[in-house]
Protein backbone atom coordinates (compact mmCIF):
# COMPACT_ATOMS: atom_id res chain seq x y z
CA MET A 1 0.00 0.00 0.00
CA LYS A 2 2.84 2.35 0.87
CA LYS A 3 4.55 1.66 -2.46
CA LEU A 4 1.32 2.33 -4.33
CA LEU A 5 0.87 5.71 -2.67
CA CYS A 6 4.48 6.66 -3.39
CA THR A 7 4.10 5.63 -7.02
CA ILE A 8 0.89 7.60 -7.49
CA SER A 9 2.36 10.71 -5.85
CA PHE A 10 5.47 10.45 -8.05
CA ILE A 11 3.34 10.22 -11.20
CA CYS A 12 1.29 13.25 -10.14
CA VAL A 13 4.43 15.32 -9.50
CA PHE A 14 5.86 14.23 -12.85
CA PHE A 15 2.77 15.34 -14.79
CA ILE A 16 2.54 18.63 -12.94
CA SER A 17 6.19 19.45 -13.62
CA PHE A 18 5.86 18.41 -17.27
CA ALA A 19 2.84 20.67 -17.72
CA ASN A 20 4.73 23.63 -16.24
CA ASN A 21 7.61 23.23 -18.73
CA GLN A 22 5.43 23.68 -21.80
CA PRO A 23 5.27 27.27 -23.11
CA LYS A 24 1.97 28.99 -23.72
CA VAL A 25 1.16 32.03 -25.82
CA GLY A 26 1.44 35.06 -23.57
CA ASP A 27 4.12 33.68 -21.24
CA THR A 28 6.70 36.23 -20.16
CA LEU A 29 10.41 35.39 -20.37
CA ILE A 30 13.59 37.37 -19.74
CA VAL A 31 16.53 37.39 -22.17
CA LYS A 32 19.81 36.83 -20.34
CA ALA A 33 23.40 37.18 -21.55
CA PRO A 34 24.75 34.41 -23.79
CA SER A 35 27.23 31.96 -22.31
CA GLY A 36 29.66 32.65 -25.16
CA LYS A 37 30.07 35.40 -27.68
CA PHE A 38 26.84 34.68 -29.58
CA TYR A 39 23.35 33.43 -28.80
CA ASN A 40 23.15 29.78 -29.79
CA HIS A 41 19.44 29.08 -29.28
CA ILE A 42 17.83 32.46 -30.00
CA SER A 43 18.02 33.60 -33.60
CA PHE A 44 19.41 37.09 -33.05
CA PRO A 45 21.52 38.39 -35.95
CA GLN A 46 25.28 38.04 -35.71
CA LEU A 47 27.30 41.07 -34.73
CA ASN A 48 28.68 41.73 -38.23
CA ILE A 49 25.11 42.00 -39.57
CA LEU A 50 24.34 44.60 -36.91
CA VAL A 51 27.41 46.62 -37.94
CA LYS A 52 26.34 46.47 -41.61
CA ARG A 53 22.95 47.88 -40.61
CA GLY A 54 24.63 50.76 -38.73
CA LYS A 55 23.98 49.45 -35.23
CA LEU A 56 26.38 48.92 -32.35
CA ALA A 57 28.06 45.48 -32.45
CA SER A 58 26.74 44.42 -29.06
CA TYR A 59 23.92 42.37 -27.60
CA SER A 60 23.67 44.65 -24.56
CA SER A 61 20.46 46.24 -25.87
CA VAL A 62 18.53 42.96 -25.56
CA ILE A 63 19.99 41.60 -22.31
CA HIS A 64 17.45 41.72 -19.42
CA ASN A 65 14.55 42.53 -21.78
CA LYS A 66 11.16 41.00 -21.06
CA VAL A 67 9.72 39.17 -24.03
CA LEU A 68 6.34 37.59 -24.69
CA VAL A 69 5.72 34.24 -26.35
CA ASP A 70 3.74 35.15 -29.47
CA GLU A 71 3.56 31.69 -31.08
CA VAL A 72 4.46 28.13 -30.07
CA ILE A 73 5.66 25.73 -32.80
CA THR A 74 6.11 22.01 -32.11
CA LYS A 75 8.03 20.09 -34.76
CA ASP A 76 7.75 16.38 -35.58
CA ASN A 77 10.95 15.59 -33.64
CA ASN A 78 9.28 16.88 -30.41
CA LYS A 79 11.30 20.11 -30.37
CA THR A 80 9.43 23.22 -29.31
CA TYR A 81 10.19 26.57 -30.88
CA VAL A 82 8.73 29.88 -29.77
CA VAL A 83 8.35 33.20 -31.55
CA LEU A 84 9.27 36.03 -29.17
CA LYS A 85 8.24 39.68 -29.24
CA LYS A 86 9.30 42.46 -26.87
CA GLU A 87 6.86 43.14 -24.06
CA ASN A 88 6.90 46.91 -24.62
CA GLY A 89 6.24 46.54 -28.37
CA THR A 90 9.52 47.99 -29.64
CA LYS A 91 11.78 46.19 -32.09
CA PHE A 92 14.91 44.17 -31.38
CA PHE A 93 17.95 46.20 -32.51
CA GLY A 94 15.57 48.67 -34.17
CA PHE A 95 14.61 46.39 -37.08
CA LEU A 96 13.39 42.95 -35.89
CA THR A 97 9.81 42.72 -34.66
CA SER A 98 10.13 39.07 -33.58
CA VAL A 99 12.73 36.34 -33.18
CA LYS A 100 12.53 32.55 -33.09
CA ALA A 101 14.07 30.49 -30.28
CA SER A 102 14.46 26.82 -29.41
CA TYR A 103 12.54 26.82 -26.13
CA GLU A 104 14.03 23.88 -24.20
CA ALA A 105 17.60 24.56 -25.31
CA ALA A 106 17.41 28.29 -24.53
CA ILE A 107 15.98 27.64 -21.05
CA ALA A 108 18.58 24.94 -20.33
CA SER A 109 21.51 27.12 -21.44
CA GLY A 110 20.29 30.16 -19.49
CA GLU A 111 19.69 32.39 -22.51
CA LEU A 112 16.00 32.62 -21.55
CA VAL A 113 14.61 32.59 -18.01
CA LYS A 114 10.97 32.17 -17.01
CA THR A 115 9.47 34.92 -14.90
CA GLU A 116 7.53 33.93 -11.81
CA TYR A 117 4.16 35.69 -11.70
């Protein structure tokens, strides 16, 4: 009986934690600094493209920005991608209205962080 209760409670916790990891449209996330020189899981333009467009070659303008999940895309290989827009409605780097990100990979690497509301 004790094993049955432990098993049922474990299954409930597993399903609750799995449901919390799935993104929904309207979720708020925060963009953090990349672990290296570039963002690997968020499709921001590379620094040389920013220079060609007359912008500063730095990602500092997007670090610590709040972004909203505008669209959730699930591929056949069970990878989840999200389309992100800035919470205040402005554009990324002055010319991108939205960017695409690999949700699980960006959360795991620390490039995106969930906000707790």
